[in-house]
């Protein structure tokens, strides 16, 4: 029947229908999570759950009544349906929550990473949760209502929603407050408020940052022992891993040998593994800027303050600095130093289907080094290689056929559809490819007649289905250790050990101490022999084992 023959809806009534859908069907992950909690069973819990449903409904009515007016009612409704259906799918499927850092990850995801998240369950969810109700929503005729009258009605609906929400919270305040206090993830599961809040936080933060002046760091940076020539000066490679968790790293005692080549290097005596390292965040957007910052996790403000970082200090000291990226960017860290992207290199053997394995960075490294300022190279060089690593959910795409020791692999982008052992197989194979990259980089460094070193640390960990959680990005204070415990190691050539008086037996003795990303800034400055008041020697992991014994 044509829409013109239907009785038109009053805009406020249609708004109430949308609010009812968003509060009920749009919040199924929230209601399921609440129903599974032990404290939400029994007669009192029925009252609590009922109160929560009414609170969410009333709050949604308040939100829509204040902001959705007839001119943009239809497109805004479609957008809310899409946002709610999408976030519901990812919360249900991967156990994630929607907060500002998760939204920032979404915004900064490139097309390849976004396509890895597409699966048939997602398509079905969008069809049932957004497309079909969206078609119904778009086809509904809306009655014209006078402006002044409509304002009063909309504000009245919003006020009614506020009064109902306050009344229901008053009735069950103790129970609701206890639930939200004991299960903090619930507050990030309320659609569409989680997304609205995240968008507001990210937008305000970006706007504030754009108006800030870049704050300098280490203005007094200088080289304490500069090299003489590009062929004899120190070369330090820092590999920033992606999504590698310490629990599956062979060097850390994992039951599977996911790091056979690194174990061989360890047996040769120049490699030290740090077994108790905590990340600065649970996602790349937070961890990468934080680990390169002098602030440390407790005081790092998520990048809201524009501030120079480790690479700026190294470059100011006179070193040649290079960032090689095989991922979706450096999150602003490399903006002021030479950088190159290896994702689109024409290397058929290691770049199948338009995506390069991490070895592409090592292939590109000699040519990229040759392009750096020769005067800086003569003093010394620091290279950062940013991996694709074990980026999920398509773990199987992160390792070439030669690395696929563990079979069968999960080849679905919907991890919840795969048996746990197949997810583990695909993930462990991706770590074997990281093992290959690190070992090959060390072997290449060993061929150079100069002091060299390699440092590796992952940006964050990963959940592989433990407690129903997949991927990463949980708010840090709620995150499981699988997402925050990361592998870290260092390999130092004998010429550089001798030049700096570094005693690896001493370093191995303290390798199991608690370390974190907070140590990276200061450790890298010490290894590069950069003197500055920005460096805190007590946070330098190598300092206690450097110099005269």
Protein backbone atom coordinates (compact mmCIF):
# COMPACT_ATOMS: atom_id res chain seq x y z
CA UNK A 1 0.00 0.00 0.00
CA UNK A 2 1.49 3.42 -0.89
CA UNK A 3 2.66 5.46 2.03
CA UNK A 4 0.34 8.36 1.04
CA UNK A 5 -2.76 6.23 1.85
CA UNK A 6 -1.65 5.50 5.41
CA UNK A 7 -2.75 7.47 8.43
CA UNK A 8 0.25 9.71 9.17
CA UNK A 9 2.10 9.34 12.44
CA UNK A 10 2.43 12.15 14.89
CA UNK A 11 6.25 12.75 14.96
CA UNK A 12 6.34 12.28 18.73
CA UNK A 13 4.48 8.96 18.50
CA UNK A 14 6.90 7.70 15.84
CA UNK A 15 9.75 8.82 18.05
CA UNK A 16 8.34 6.71 20.89
CA UNK A 17 8.25 3.64 18.62
CA UNK A 18 11.94 4.15 17.79
CA UNK A 19 12.79 4.58 21.47
CA UNK A 20 10.98 1.32 22.32
CA UNK A 21 12.90 -0.59 19.64
CA UNK A 22 16.28 0.83 20.66
CA UNK A 23 15.70 0.17 24.36
CA UNK A 24 14.56 -3.44 23.89
CA UNK A 25 15.79 -5.14 20.72
CA UNK A 26 18.67 -2.69 20.40
CA UNK A 27 19.96 -3.65 23.83
CA UNK A 28 19.75 -7.43 23.66
CA UNK A 29 23.48 -7.86 24.54
CA UNK A 30 22.90 -5.80 27.71
CA UNK A 31 19.82 -7.77 28.76
CA UNK A 32 21.55 -11.10 28.09
CA UNK A 33 24.60 -10.02 30.08
CA UNK A 34 22.39 -8.95 32.99
CA UNK A 35 20.39 -12.18 32.92
CA UNK A 36 23.56 -14.25 33.22
CA UNK A 37 24.68 -12.50 36.41
CA UNK A 38 24.12 -14.49 39.63
CA UNK A 39 22.65 -11.48 41.43
CA UNK A 40 19.86 -11.02 38.86
CA UNK A 41 17.81 -14.08 39.85
CA UNK A 42 14.91 -14.22 42.27
CA UNK A 43 11.91 -11.96 42.87
CA UNK A 44 13.90 -8.86 43.77
CA UNK A 45 16.02 -9.23 40.66
CA UNK A 46 12.88 -9.20 38.49
CA UNK A 47 12.07 -5.80 39.95
CA UNK A 48 15.65 -4.65 39.36
CA UNK A 49 15.71 -5.85 35.75
CA UNK A 50 12.30 -4.35 35.09
CA UNK A 51 13.48 -1.07 36.53
CA UNK A 52 16.58 -1.10 34.35
CA UNK A 53 14.52 -1.74 31.21
CA UNK A 54 12.24 1.17 32.07
CA UNK A 55 15.20 3.39 32.96
CA UNK A 56 16.86 2.69 29.59
CA UNK A 57 13.54 3.24 27.78
CA UNK A 58 12.86 6.48 29.63
CA UNK A 59 16.40 7.75 29.07
CA UNK A 60 16.12 6.90 25.36
CA UNK A 61 12.83 8.79 25.15
CA UNK A 62 14.54 11.74 26.83
CA UNK A 63 17.47 11.64 24.38
CA UNK A 64 15.28 11.37 21.29
CA UNK A 65 12.73 13.88 22.55
CA UNK A 66 15.39 16.53 22.99
CA UNK A 67 17.38 15.98 19.79
CA UNK A 68 15.24 14.29 17.12
CA UNK A 69 13.01 16.80 15.35
CA UNK A 70 10.92 16.16 12.19
CA UNK A 71 13.43 17.64 9.73
CA UNK A 72 16.05 14.99 10.53
CA UNK A 73 13.82 12.38 12.19
CA UNK A 74 14.03 9.81 9.38
CA UNK A 75 17.80 9.91 8.59
CA UNK A 76 18.72 10.15 12.29
CA UNK A 77 16.52 7.13 13.01
CA UNK A 78 18.26 5.11 10.28
CA UNK A 79 21.67 6.10 11.66
CA UNK A 80 20.67 5.05 15.18
CA UNK A 81 19.37 1.70 13.93
CA UNK A 82 22.65 1.03 12.09
CA UNK A 83 24.80 2.10 15.04
CA UNK A 84 22.79 0.06 17.52
CA UNK A 85 22.71 -3.09 15.37
CA UNK A 86 26.46 -2.88 14.65
CA UNK A 87 27.50 -2.30 18.24
CA UNK A 88 25.13 -5.04 19.43
CA UNK A 89 26.74 -7.51 17.03
CA UNK A 90 30.30 -6.74 18.09
CA UNK A 91 29.44 -6.72 21.79
CA UNK A 92 27.66 -10.08 21.49
CA UNK A 93 30.20 -11.73 19.21
CA UNK A 94 33.50 -10.56 20.69
CA UNK A 95 32.61 -9.54 24.25
CA UNK A 96 33.83 -5.99 23.65
CA UNK A 97 32.27 -2.79 24.97
CA UNK A 98 31.84 0.58 23.26
CA UNK A 99 33.93 3.33 24.84
CA UNK A 100 35.93 6.29 23.46
CA UNK A 101 39.08 4.26 22.82
CA UNK A 102 37.11 1.58 20.95
CA UNK A 103 35.44 4.24 18.82
CA UNK A 104 38.84 5.76 18.03
CA UNK A 105 40.01 2.34 16.87
CA UNK A 106 37.01 2.14 14.56
CA UNK A 107 37.68 5.59 13.12
CA UNK A 108 41.33 4.77 12.44
CA UNK A 109 40.75 1.31 10.97
CA UNK A 110 41.72 1.07 7.32
CA UNK A 111 39.67 -0.69 4.65
CA UNK A 112 41.62 -3.96 4.86
CA UNK A 113 41.18 -4.24 8.62
CA UNK A 114 37.49 -3.29 8.33
CA UNK A 115 36.87 -6.02 5.76
CA UNK A 116 38.41 -8.57 8.14
CA UNK A 117 35.50 -7.89 10.47
CA UNK A 118 32.81 -8.56 7.86
CA UNK A 119 31.05 -11.92 8.20
CA UNK A 120 27.70 -13.48 7.45
CA UNK A 121 26.50 -13.16 11.07
CA UNK A 122 27.22 -9.42 10.85
CA UNK A 123 25.30 -9.15 7.59
CA UNK A 124 22.32 -11.01 9.07
CA UNK A 125 22.40 -8.84 12.20
CA UNK A 126 22.40 -5.65 10.13
CA UNK A 127 19.58 -7.01 7.97
CA UNK A 128 17.35 -7.87 10.92
CA UNK A 129 18.40 -5.05 13.22
CA UNK A 130 18.77 -2.14 10.82
CA UNK A 131 17.75 -2.74 7.20
CA UNK A 132 14.26 -4.24 7.71
CA UNK A 133 13.19 -1.96 10.58
CA UNK A 134 14.85 0.90 8.72
CA UNK A 135 12.74 0.28 5.63
CA UNK A 136 9.60 0.27 7.77
CA UNK A 137 10.75 3.45 9.52
CA UNK A 138 11.54 5.29 6.29
CA UNK A 139 8.18 4.47 4.70
CA UNK A 140 6.05 5.84 7.54
CA UNK A 141 4.24 9.10 6.74
CA UNK A 142 4.64 11.83 9.34
CA UNK A 143 1.98 14.38 10.23
CA UNK A 144 2.80 18.07 10.03
CA UNK A 145 2.59 19.72 13.43
CA UNK A 146 2.96 23.40 14.21
CA UNK A 147 6.39 24.42 15.47
CA UNK A 148 5.41 25.86 18.84
CA UNK A 149 3.05 23.02 19.61
CA UNK A 150 5.62 20.41 18.59
CA UNK A 151 8.30 22.00 20.77
CA UNK A 152 6.04 21.75 23.81
CA UNK A 153 5.15 18.13 23.01
CA UNK A 154 8.74 17.06 22.41
CA UNK A 155 9.96 18.78 25.55
CA UNK A 156 7.05 17.25 27.44
CA UNK A 157 8.00 13.77 26.25
CA UNK A 158 11.61 14.44 27.23
CA UNK A 159 10.57 15.66 30.67
CA UNK A 160 8.33 12.64 31.13
CA UNK A 161 11.24 10.38 30.23
CA UNK A 162 13.43 12.14 32.77
CA UNK A 163 10.81 11.82 35.52
CA UNK A 164 10.25 8.13 34.83
CA UNK A 165 14.00 7.44 34.79
CA UNK A 166 14.49 9.25 38.10
CA UNK A 167 11.52 7.48 39.69
CA UNK A 168 12.66 4.01 38.62
CA UNK A 169 16.21 4.68 39.75
CA UNK A 170 14.90 5.83 43.14
CA UNK A 171 12.84 2.63 43.51
CA UNK A 172 15.76 0.29 42.84
CA UNK A 173 18.77 2.54 43.39
CA UNK A 174 20.69 0.23 45.71
CA UNK A 175 20.41 -2.80 43.42
CA UNK A 176 21.16 -0.86 40.23
CA UNK A 177 24.11 0.96 41.82
CA UNK A 178 25.52 -2.33 43.09
CA UNK A 179 25.24 -3.92 39.64
CA UNK A 180 26.97 -1.01 37.92
CA UNK A 181 29.68 -0.86 40.59
CA UNK A 182 30.45 -4.58 40.54
CA UNK A 183 30.12 -5.02 36.76
CA UNK A 184 31.57 -1.84 35.26
CA UNK A 185 31.38 -3.15 31.70
CA UNK A 186 27.58 -2.86 31.81
CA UNK A 187 27.73 0.94 31.62
CA UNK A 188 29.49 0.68 28.24
CA UNK A 189 26.83 -1.68 26.86
CA UNK A 190 23.80 0.63 26.94
CA UNK A 191 22.80 1.46 23.36
CA UNK A 192 22.82 4.10 21.96
CA UNK A 193 24.25 6.03 24.92
CA UNK A 194 27.61 4.25 24.78
CA UNK A 195 28.16 5.40 21.19
CA UNK A 196 26.79 8.91 21.81
CA UNK A 197 29.12 9.32 24.78
CA UNK A 198 32.12 7.94 22.87
CA UNK A 199 31.48 10.21 19.88
CA UNK A 200 31.19 13.24 22.14
CA UNK A 201 34.40 12.41 24.04
CA UNK A 202 36.41 11.74 20.89
CA UNK A 203 35.10 14.83 19.09
CA UNK A 204 35.79 17.15 22.01
CA UNK A 205 39.25 15.63 22.53
CA UNK A 206 40.21 16.02 18.87
CA UNK A 207 38.93 19.57 18.71
CA UNK A 208 40.87 20.51 21.83
CA UNK A 209 44.04 18.82 20.57
CA UNK A 210 43.85 20.57 17.20
CA UNK A 211 44.02 23.95 18.95
CA UNK A 212 47.01 23.07 21.11
CA UNK A 213 50.63 23.99 20.49
CA UNK A 214 52.98 21.00 20.25
CA UNK A 215 54.70 20.65 23.63
CA UNK A 216 58.47 20.00 23.29
CA UNK A 217 60.22 17.14 25.10
CA UNK A 218 63.95 16.81 25.74
CA UNK A 219 65.10 20.18 24.39
CA UNK A 220 68.54 19.47 25.83
CA UNK A 221 68.90 16.10 24.05
CA UNK A 222 72.43 15.30 22.88
CA UNK A 223 74.50 12.26 21.93
CA UNK A 224 76.89 11.15 24.64
CA UNK A 225 79.01 9.07 22.21
CA UNK A 226 78.20 9.85 18.55
CA UNK A 227 79.43 7.53 15.84
CA UNK A 228 82.09 8.35 13.24
CA UNK A 229 80.49 7.10 10.02
CA UNK A 230 77.33 5.50 8.67
CA UNK A 231 79.12 2.13 8.44
CA UNK A 232 80.42 2.06 12.00
CA UNK A 233 77.85 4.02 14.04
CA UNK A 234 75.21 2.15 16.09
CA UNK A 235 72.01 0.89 14.43
CA UNK A 236 69.10 0.10 16.75
CA UNK A 237 65.89 -1.51 15.49
CA UNK A 238 62.73 -1.25 17.60
CA UNK A 239 59.98 -3.62 16.47
CA UNK A 240 56.52 -2.64 17.71
CA UNK A 241 54.46 -5.82 17.74
CA UNK A 242 50.73 -5.98 17.13
CA UNK A 243 48.32 -7.98 19.29
CA UNK A 244 50.94 -10.42 20.58
CA UNK A 245 50.07 -11.70 24.03
CA UNK A 246 52.70 -13.08 26.39
CA UNK A 247 50.55 -16.11 27.26
CA UNK A 248 51.24 -17.65 23.82
CA UNK A 249 54.87 -16.58 23.41
CA UNK A 250 57.21 -19.56 23.37
CA UNK A 251 60.07 -17.73 25.10
CA UNK A 252 57.79 -17.17 28.08
CA UNK A 253 57.17 -20.87 28.72
CA UNK A 254 54.11 -21.45 26.54
CA UNK A 255 53.48 -25.14 25.86
CA UNK A 256 53.81 -24.71 22.11
CA UNK A 257 57.02 -23.67 20.41
CA UNK A 258 55.82 -20.48 18.78
CA UNK A 259 59.31 -18.90 18.90
CA UNK A 260 61.81 -21.57 17.77
CA UNK A 261 64.17 -19.14 15.99
CA UNK A 262 64.24 -16.73 18.90
CA UNK A 263 65.03 -19.61 21.25
CA UNK A 264 68.02 -20.41 19.07
CA UNK A 265 69.18 -16.80 19.34
CA UNK A 266 68.60 -16.93 23.09
CA UNK A 267 70.84 -19.98 23.35
CA UNK A 268 73.63 -18.01 21.65
CA UNK A 269 73.66 -15.67 24.65
CA UNK A 270 72.83 -12.24 23.26
CA UNK A 271 69.01 -12.24 23.62
CA UNK A 272 67.12 -11.52 26.84
CA UNK A 273 63.35 -12.06 27.23
CA UNK A 274 61.36 -9.99 29.74
CA UNK A 275 58.56 -12.18 31.03
CA UNK A 276 56.48 -9.74 33.08
CA UNK A 277 55.69 -6.70 30.94
CA UNK A 278 52.41 -4.76 31.06
CA UNK A 279 51.05 -2.67 28.21
CA UNK A 280 50.03 0.97 28.42
CA UNK A 281 46.63 0.26 26.90
CA UNK A 282 44.51 -2.46 25.34
CA UNK A 283 44.42 -1.00 21.83
CA UNK A 284 46.91 0.39 19.33
CA UNK A 285 45.51 3.92 19.40
CA UNK A 286 46.30 4.21 23.11
CA UNK A 287 49.35 2.00 23.52
CA UNK A 288 51.54 3.22 20.67
CA UNK A 289 51.48 6.94 21.56
CA UNK A 290 51.72 6.06 25.25
CA UNK A 291 54.76 3.77 24.95
CA UNK A 292 56.63 6.47 23.00
CA UNK A 293 55.67 9.13 25.54
CA UNK A 294 57.68 10.02 28.68
CA UNK A 295 54.48 10.29 30.72
CA UNK A 296 53.72 6.69 31.62
CA UNK A 297 50.32 4.99 31.76
CA UNK A 298 49.07 6.57 34.98
CA UNK A 299 49.51 10.13 33.71
CA UNK A 300 49.09 9.59 29.95
CA UNK A 301 45.95 11.46 28.90
CA UNK A 302 45.11 9.36 25.85
CA UNK A 303 46.85 11.74 23.49
CA UNK A 304 44.59 14.71 24.27
CA UNK A 305 47.73 16.81 24.84
CA UNK A 306 49.93 17.40 21.79
CA UNK A 307 53.40 16.47 22.94
CA UNK A 308 56.63 15.34 21.34
CA UNK A 309 57.71 11.76 21.85
CA UNK A 310 60.73 9.45 21.83
CA UNK A 311 61.33 9.84 18.09
CA UNK A 312 61.45 13.62 18.36
CA UNK A 313 64.01 13.41 21.15
CA UNK A 314 66.18 10.93 19.21
CA UNK A 315 66.04 13.13 16.15
CA UNK A 316 66.81 16.27 18.14
CA UNK A 317 69.91 14.56 19.53
CA UNK A 318 71.18 14.24 15.96
CA UNK A 319 70.35 10.62 15.16
CA UNK A 320 68.80 9.41 11.92
CA UNK A 321 65.29 8.14 12.66
CA UNK A 322 63.06 6.03 10.41
CA UNK A 323 59.55 4.58 10.88
CA UNK A 324 58.51 1.64 8.68
CA UNK A 325 54.82 0.75 8.84
CA UNK A 326 53.09 -2.44 7.77
CA UNK A 327 49.91 -1.46 9.58
CA UNK A 328 47.32 1.31 9.56
CA UNK A 329 49.60 4.16 10.60
CA UNK A 330 51.73 5.34 13.50
CA UNK A 331 48.93 7.14 15.41
CA UNK A 332 50.80 10.44 15.11
CA UNK A 333 54.06 9.17 16.60
CA UNK A 334 56.06 9.36 13.34
CA UNK A 335 54.57 12.57 11.97
CA UNK A 336 57.81 14.54 12.30
CA UNK A 337 60.36 11.92 11.26
CA UNK A 338 60.99 10.10 7.95
CA UNK A 339 58.48 7.28 7.50
CA UNK A 340 57.42 4.80 4.85
CA UNK A 341 54.52 2.39 4.31
CA UNK A 342 55.26 -1.16 3.14
CA UNK A 343 51.69 -2.46 2.84
CA UNK A 344 51.43 -1.92 -0.90
CA UNK A 345 54.85 -3.05 -2.10
CA UNK A 346 54.99 -5.09 -5.28
CA UNK A 347 56.56 -8.23 -3.80
CA UNK A 348 54.50 -11.19 -5.08
CA UNK A 349 56.16 -13.76 -2.81
CA UNK A 350 55.33 -11.93 0.44
CA UNK A 351 52.47 -9.63 -0.62
CA UNK A 352 49.67 -11.98 -1.74
CA UNK A 353 46.20 -10.58 -2.35
CA UNK A 354 47.30 -7.00 -1.82
CA UNK A 355 48.48 -7.43 1.78
CA UNK A 356 52.13 -7.76 2.71
CA UNK A 357 53.51 -9.97 5.45
CA UNK A 358 55.75 -8.19 7.93
CA UNK A 359 58.90 -9.41 6.17
CA UNK A 360 58.22 -6.65 3.62
CA UNK A 361 59.62 -4.15 6.12
CA UNK A 362 62.94 -5.99 6.28
CA UNK A 363 63.08 -6.13 2.48
CA UNK A 364 62.51 -2.37 2.28
CA UNK A 365 64.83 -1.44 5.14
CA UNK A 366 68.21 -1.17 3.30
CA UNK A 367 66.83 1.16 0.61
CA UNK A 368 64.97 3.28 3.15
CA UNK A 369 68.11 3.61 5.28
CA UNK A 370 70.05 4.81 2.24
CA UNK A 371 67.55 7.66 1.80
CA UNK A 372 68.20 9.09 5.27
CA UNK A 373 70.40 12.13 5.90
CA UNK A 374 74.02 10.84 5.68
CA UNK A 375 75.23 13.27 8.36
CA UNK A 376 72.69 11.88 10.81
CA UNK A 377 73.43 8.29 9.81
CA UNK A 378 77.08 8.92 10.62
CA UNK A 379 76.08 9.61 14.25
CA UNK A 380 73.76 6.62 14.57
CA UNK A 381 70.35 5.34 13.44
CA UNK A 382 67.15 4.20 15.12
CA UNK A 383 64.55 2.34 13.06
CA UNK A 384 61.02 1.50 14.19
CA UNK A 385 59.21 -1.35 12.42
CA UNK A 386 55.46 -1.40 13.12
CA UNK A 387 54.04 -4.88 12.51
CA UNK A 388 50.72 -6.18 11.30
CA UNK A 389 51.68 -9.00 13.65
CA UNK A 390 48.71 -10.99 14.95
CA UNK A 391 46.00 -8.50 14.09
CA UNK A 392 42.59 -10.18 14.33
CA UNK A 393 40.09 -11.50 13.80
CA UNK A 394 41.62 -12.86 10.58
CA UNK A 395 44.65 -14.40 12.30
CA UNK A 396 45.03 -16.94 9.48
CA UNK A 397 45.94 -14.10 7.10
CA UNK A 398 48.95 -13.09 9.22
CA UNK A 399 51.16 -16.07 8.38
CA UNK A 400 52.35 -17.51 5.05
CA UNK A 401 51.89 -21.23 4.26
CA UNK A 402 55.42 -22.05 5.46
CA UNK A 403 54.56 -20.84 8.98
CA UNK A 404 51.31 -22.76 9.37
CA UNK A 405 52.56 -25.52 11.64
CA UNK A 406 49.39 -25.74 13.74
CA UNK A 407 46.36 -27.09 11.91
CA UNK A 408 43.48 -26.74 11.25
CA UNK A 409 43.14 -22.98 11.42
CA UNK A 410 40.04 -20.89 11.97
CA UNK A 411 39.45 -19.17 8.62
CA UNK A 412 36.23 -17.42 9.61
CA UNK A 413 36.13 -13.75 10.53
CA UNK A 414 33.40 -14.62 13.02
CA UNK A 415 35.60 -16.16 15.72
CA UNK A 416 32.65 -17.32 17.80
CA UNK A 417 31.83 -19.80 15.02
CA UNK A 418 35.21 -21.57 15.27
CA UNK A 419 36.30 -24.22 17.79
CA UNK A 420 38.72 -22.69 20.34
CA UNK A 421 41.61 -24.90 19.20
CA UNK A 422 41.30 -23.63 15.61
CA UNK A 423 41.42 -20.00 16.80
CA UNK A 424 44.48 -20.86 18.86
CA UNK A 425 46.12 -22.56 15.86
CA UNK A 426 45.67 -19.53 13.60
CA UNK A 427 46.87 -17.15 16.30
CA UNK A 428 49.92 -19.25 17.19
CA UNK A 429 50.89 -19.47 13.52
CA UNK A 430 50.85 -15.66 13.37
CA UNK A 431 53.31 -15.62 16.30
CA UNK A 432 55.59 -17.99 14.41
CA UNK A 433 55.67 -15.41 11.63
CA UNK A 434 56.67 -12.75 14.17
CA UNK A 435 59.38 -15.13 15.36
CA UNK A 436 60.60 -15.38 11.75
CA UNK A 437 60.64 -11.58 11.27
CA UNK A 438 62.56 -10.93 14.48
CA UNK A 439 65.10 -13.68 13.87
CA UNK A 440 65.68 -12.62 10.26
CA UNK A 441 66.15 -9.02 11.40
CA UNK A 442 68.74 -10.11 13.95
CA UNK A 443 70.56 -12.26 11.38
CA UNK A 444 70.69 -9.26 9.06
CA UNK A 445 72.02 -7.04 11.86
CA UNK A 446 74.71 -9.64 12.55
CA UNK A 447 76.02 -9.25 9.00
CA UNK A 448 76.76 -5.55 9.55
CA UNK A 449 80.18 -4.47 10.75
CA UNK A 450 78.82 -2.04 13.32
CA UNK A 451 77.25 -2.05 16.83
CA UNK A 452 73.61 -3.15 16.51
CA UNK A 453 70.63 -3.99 18.70
CA UNK A 454 67.00 -5.05 18.41
CA UNK A 455 64.20 -4.35 20.88
CA UNK A 456 60.77 -5.94 20.48
CA UNK A 457 57.60 -5.25 22.45
CA UNK A 458 53.94 -5.76 21.56
CA UNK A 459 51.48 -2.88 21.81
CA UNK A 460 48.82 -4.91 23.64
CA UNK A 461 47.60 -8.46 24.04
CA UNK A 462 44.52 -10.33 22.84
CA UNK A 463 41.59 -12.36 24.14
CA UNK A 464 40.99 -15.63 22.30
CA UNK A 465 37.64 -16.56 23.81
CA UNK A 466 38.51 -16.68 27.51
CA UNK A 467 35.39 -15.73 29.52
CA UNK A 468 33.57 -15.06 26.26
CA UNK A 469 35.96 -12.26 25.25
CA UNK A 470 37.62 -11.95 21.84
CA UNK A 471 40.05 -9.43 20.33
CA UNK A 472 41.05 -6.50 22.58
CA UNK A 473 40.10 -2.96 23.53
CA UNK A 474 38.46 -3.48 26.93
CA UNK A 475 38.77 -0.47 29.27
CA UNK A 476 42.11 -0.99 31.01
CA UNK A 477 40.81 -1.28 34.55
CA UNK A 478 38.43 -4.03 33.42
CA UNK A 479 40.70 -5.78 30.93
CA UNK A 480 41.88 -9.36 31.50
CA UNK A 481 45.61 -10.03 31.67
CA UNK A 482 45.48 -11.63 28.22
CA UNK A 483 45.00 -8.11 26.84
CA UNK A 484 47.64 -6.36 29.00
CA UNK A 485 50.47 -8.90 29.48
CA UNK A 486 52.77 -8.54 26.46
CA UNK A 487 56.05 -10.09 25.28
CA UNK A 488 59.23 -8.01 25.23
CA UNK A 489 62.83 -8.88 24.39
CA UNK A 490 66.13 -7.32 23.50
CA UNK A 491 69.05 -8.59 21.43
CA UNK A 492 72.34 -6.66 21.63
CA UNK A 493 75.35 -7.38 19.47
CA UNK A 494 78.67 -8.00 21.18
CA UNK A 495 80.25 -4.79 19.77
CA UNK A 496 77.44 -2.73 21.31
CA UNK A 497 77.65 -4.69 24.58
CA UNK A 498 81.33 -3.86 24.76
CA UNK A 499 80.86 -0.21 23.77
CA UNK A 500 78.30 0.37 26.53
CA UNK A 501 79.59 -2.07 29.13
CA UNK A 502 76.27 -3.93 29.03
CA UNK A 503 76.33 -7.16 31.06
CA UNK A 504 73.65 -9.54 29.77
CA UNK A 505 74.06 -11.95 32.69
CA UNK A 506 73.01 -9.08 34.96
CA UNK A 507 70.10 -8.26 32.64
CA UNK A 508 68.89 -11.87 32.58
CA UNK A 509 68.93 -11.92 36.38
CA UNK A 510 66.39 -9.10 36.53
CA UNK A 511 64.42 -9.94 33.38
CA UNK A 512 61.51 -11.42 35.36
CA UNK A 513 60.91 -8.23 37.33
CA UNK A 514 57.69 -6.32 36.63
CA UNK A 515 58.23 -3.99 33.68
CA UNK A 516 55.85 -2.02 31.48
CA UNK A 517 55.59 0.24 28.46
CA UNK A 518 56.52 3.04 30.87
CA UNK A 519 60.12 1.81 30.67
CA UNK A 520 60.45 1.94 26.87
CA UNK A 521 61.03 5.70 26.42
CA UNK A 522 63.86 5.78 28.98
CA UNK A 523 65.39 2.44 27.95
CA UNK A 524 65.60 3.43 24.28
CA UNK A 525 67.25 6.75 25.15
CA UNK A 526 69.81 4.92 27.27
CA UNK A 527 70.49 2.33 24.56
CA UNK A 528 70.92 5.09 21.95
CA UNK A 529 73.26 6.97 24.35
CA UNK A 530 71.09 10.10 24.33
CA UNK A 531 71.56 12.40 27.30
CA UNK A 532 68.58 14.54 28.37
CA UNK A 533 66.76 15.58 31.52
CA UNK A 534 63.66 13.94 30.02
CA UNK A 535 65.21 10.53 30.64
CA UNK A 536 64.63 8.94 34.03
CA UNK A 537 67.51 6.55 34.67
CA UNK A 538 65.50 4.62 37.25
CA UNK A 539 63.09 3.57 34.47
CA UNK A 540 65.87 2.46 32.09
CA UNK A 541 65.72 -1.35 32.08
CA UNK A 542 69.35 -1.62 30.98
CA UNK A 543 70.87 1.02 33.27
CA UNK A 544 71.57 -1.25 36.29
CA UNK A 545 73.57 -3.54 34.01
CA UNK A 546 75.44 -0.89 32.01
CA UNK A 547 78.86 0.56 32.69
CA UNK A 548 81.55 -0.66 35.13
CA UNK A 549 80.50 -3.69 37.17
